[in-house]
N, C-alpha and C. Protein backbone atom coordinates (compact mmCIF):
# COMPACT_ATOMS: atom_id res chain seq x y z
N MET A 1 0.96 -1.13 -0.04
CA MET A 1 -0.16 0.06 -0.21
C MET A 1 0.75 1.14 -0.09
N PHE A 2 1.87 1.41 0.96
CA PHE A 2 2.72 2.53 1.18
C PHE A 2 4.27 2.37 0.42
N ALA A 3 4.34 1.14 -0.38
CA ALA A 3 5.48 0.84 -0.89
C ALA A 3 6.04 2.02 -1.89
N PRO A 4 5.29 2.37 -2.86
CA PRO A 4 5.62 3.37 -4.00
C PRO A 4 6.01 4.70 -3.15
N ILE A 5 5.42 4.96 -1.94
CA ILE A 5 5.84 6.29 -1.38
C ILE A 5 7.29 6.04 -0.64
N VAL A 6 7.56 4.96 -0.17
CA VAL A 6 8.65 4.54 0.62
C VAL A 6 9.78 4.56 -0.66
N ILE A 7 9.61 3.80 -1.79
CA ILE A 7 10.39 3.68 -2.90
C ILE A 7 10.87 5.17 -3.41
N LEU A 8 9.84 5.82 -3.62
CA LEU A 8 9.97 7.36 -4.03
C LEU A 8 10.96 7.83 -2.99
N THR A 9 10.69 7.92 -1.78
CA THR A 9 11.17 8.55 -1.06
C THR A 9 12.85 8.29 -0.90
N ARG A 10 13.14 6.77 -0.72
CA ARG A 10 14.20 6.37 -0.80
C ARG A 10 15.13 6.81 -2.04
N ASN A 11 14.14 6.75 -3.16
CA ASN A 11 15.04 7.34 -4.51
C ASN A 11 15.35 8.69 -4.18
N CYS A 12 14.66 9.72 -3.67
CA CYS A 12 14.99 11.01 -3.56
C CYS A 12 16.07 11.19 -2.67
N LEU A 13 16.12 10.83 -1.40
CA LEU A 13 17.13 10.72 -0.38
C LEU A 13 18.22 10.08 -0.61
N GLY A 14 18.23 9.15 -1.46
CA GLY A 14 19.48 8.20 -1.27
C GLY A 14 19.34 7.22 -0.41
N GLN A 15 20.06 6.03 -0.51
CA GLN A 15 20.12 5.06 0.28
C GLN A 15 20.52 5.36 1.55
N VAL A 16 21.45 6.03 1.85
CA VAL A 16 22.38 6.05 3.05
C VAL A 16 21.35 6.95 4.07
N LYS A 17 20.73 8.04 3.47
CA LYS A 17 19.99 9.11 4.28
C LYS A 17 18.68 8.61 4.65
N PHE A 18 17.91 7.72 3.56
CA PHE A 18 16.83 6.95 3.68
C PHE A 18 17.16 6.12 5.10
N ASN A 19 18.05 5.33 4.99
CA ASN A 19 18.29 4.16 5.92
C ASN A 19 18.42 4.88 7.47
N LYS A 20 19.10 6.14 7.54
CA LYS A 20 19.26 6.82 8.65
C LYS A 20 17.88 7.19 9.24
N LEU A 21 17.22 7.66 8.41
CA LEU A 21 15.73 8.34 8.67
C LEU A 21 15.01 7.47 8.97
N ARG A 22 14.94 6.11 8.15
CA ARG A 22 14.12 4.96 8.69
C ARG A 22 14.27 4.36 10.01
N GLY A 23 15.67 4.29 10.29
CA GLY A 23 15.93 3.95 11.61
C GLY A 23 15.78 4.61 12.65
N LYS A 24 15.70 6.05 12.35
CA LYS A 24 15.31 6.99 13.47
C LYS A 24 14.01 6.95 13.65
N LEU A 25 13.08 6.66 12.64
CA LEU A 25 11.46 6.61 12.78
C LEU A 25 10.83 5.35 13.37
N ILE A 26 11.77 4.34 13.09
CA ILE A 26 11.62 3.16 13.86
C ILE A 26 11.86 2.99 15.38
N ALA A 27 13.17 3.66 15.62
CA ALA A 27 13.23 3.95 17.10
C ALA A 27 12.36 4.90 17.86
N VAL A 28 11.99 5.65 17.05
CA VAL A 28 10.77 6.81 17.78
C VAL A 28 9.36 5.79 18.18
N HIS A 29 9.38 5.22 17.05
CA HIS A 29 7.86 4.35 16.89
C HIS A 29 8.06 3.39 18.27
N ALA A 30 9.03 2.83 18.33
CA ALA A 30 9.35 1.80 19.28
C ALA A 30 9.37 2.61 20.71
N GLN A 31 10.00 3.63 20.82
CA GLN A 31 9.90 4.60 21.89
C GLN A 31 8.56 4.88 22.33
N VAL A 32 7.43 5.06 21.61
CA VAL A 32 6.05 5.35 21.77
C VAL A 32 5.56 4.29 22.39
N ILE A 33 5.77 3.10 21.79
CA ILE A 33 5.33 1.75 22.34
C ILE A 33 5.76 1.58 23.83
N VAL A 34 7.04 1.88 24.04
CA VAL A 34 7.34 1.63 25.42
C VAL A 34 6.87 2.42 26.32
N HIS A 35 6.65 3.60 26.10
CA HIS A 35 5.92 4.87 26.86
C HIS A 35 4.49 4.25 27.19
N PHE A 36 3.73 3.73 26.16
CA PHE A 36 2.52 3.46 26.11
C PHE A 36 2.33 2.28 27.26
N CYS A 37 3.32 1.59 26.94
CA CYS A 37 3.34 -0.05 27.72
C CYS A 37 3.63 0.45 29.35
N ASP A 38 4.68 1.41 29.41
CA ASP A 38 4.83 1.72 30.85
C ASP A 38 3.85 2.57 31.45
N TYR A 39 3.17 3.42 31.04
CA TYR A 39 2.04 4.07 31.42
C TYR A 39 0.72 3.19 31.92
N PHE A 40 0.27 2.14 30.92
CA PHE A 40 -0.56 1.33 31.39
C PHE A 40 -0.11 -0.21 31.99
N HIS A 41 1.16 0.00 32.35
CA HIS A 41 1.70 -1.08 33.24
C HIS A 41 1.59 -2.41 32.59
N ILE A 42 2.04 -2.58 31.21
CA ILE A 42 1.91 -3.69 30.44
C ILE A 42 3.31 -4.32 30.31
N SER A 43 3.19 -5.73 30.43
CA SER A 43 4.27 -6.47 30.82
C SER A 43 5.44 -6.37 29.84
N HIS A 44 6.82 -6.51 29.92
CA HIS A 44 7.78 -6.54 29.00
C HIS A 44 7.54 -7.56 27.76
N ILE A 45 6.75 -8.86 28.08
CA ILE A 45 6.54 -9.59 27.18
C ILE A 45 5.53 -9.10 26.31
N THR A 46 4.74 -8.64 26.56
CA THR A 46 3.48 -8.20 25.90
C THR A 46 4.05 -6.99 24.92
N ARG A 47 5.08 -6.08 25.62
CA ARG A 47 5.49 -4.86 24.75
C ARG A 47 6.62 -5.48 23.58
N GLN A 48 7.09 -6.54 23.87
CA GLN A 48 7.82 -7.21 22.61
C GLN A 48 7.34 -7.57 21.58
N ASN A 49 6.15 -7.90 22.01
CA ASN A 49 5.27 -8.42 21.04
C ASN A 49 4.51 -7.58 20.48
N LEU A 50 4.14 -6.35 20.94
CA LEU A 50 3.63 -5.18 20.14
C LEU A 50 4.47 -4.58 19.41
N ILE A 51 5.89 -4.65 19.80
CA ILE A 51 6.85 -4.18 18.82
C ILE A 51 6.90 -5.00 17.79
N ARG A 52 6.83 -6.37 17.87
CA ARG A 52 6.83 -7.31 16.77
C ARG A 52 5.73 -7.23 15.72
N LEU A 53 4.38 -6.94 16.48
CA LEU A 53 3.37 -6.90 15.62
C LEU A 53 3.48 -5.50 14.84
N ALA A 54 3.85 -4.67 15.46
CA ALA A 54 4.25 -3.37 14.50
C ALA A 54 5.31 -3.61 13.38
N ARG A 55 6.16 -4.34 13.54
CA ARG A 55 7.28 -4.53 12.55
C ARG A 55 6.40 -5.29 11.53
N ASP A 56 5.71 -6.22 11.80
CA ASP A 56 4.96 -7.08 10.71
C ASP A 56 3.84 -6.37 10.09
N ASN A 57 3.12 -5.59 10.77
CA ASN A 57 2.29 -4.55 10.02
C ASN A 57 2.93 -3.97 8.99
N GLY A 58 4.21 -3.30 9.51
CA GLY A 58 4.94 -2.43 8.63
C GLY A 58 5.38 -3.26 7.41
N LYS A 59 5.66 -4.55 7.39
CA LYS A 59 6.15 -4.95 6.35
C LYS A 59 4.76 -5.38 5.51
N ARG A 60 3.87 -5.63 6.07
CA ARG A 60 2.67 -5.85 5.35
C ARG A 60 2.25 -4.90 4.47
N LEU A 61 2.23 -3.51 5.01
CA LEU A 61 1.91 -2.52 4.43
C LEU A 61 2.76 -1.83 3.57
N GLY A 62 3.89 -2.29 3.44
CA GLY A 62 4.72 -1.65 2.59
C GLY A 62 5.70 -0.64 2.95
N PHE A 63 5.72 -0.33 4.36
CA PHE A 63 6.45 0.49 4.96
C PHE A 63 7.96 0.13 4.83
N LEU A 64 8.14 -1.21 4.99
CA LEU A 64 9.49 -1.80 5.00
C LEU A 64 10.12 -2.18 3.62
N ALA A 65 9.50 -1.36 2.76
CA ALA A 65 9.98 -1.82 1.20
C ALA A 65 11.50 -1.28 0.80
């Protein structure tokens, strides 16, 4: 679904800058999940599963193209 946007962005920025940006965005997203889980006292195991679910959804939606 989002793969064309991701590919276009990668082509515009270049592979190195794109990978840095992608890494930062993934880290921020993981931090949001961590803060959410801490706020609601969700266990470490569930938090790991949520991060994995986010990664898998990203692959399916084309964010990791």
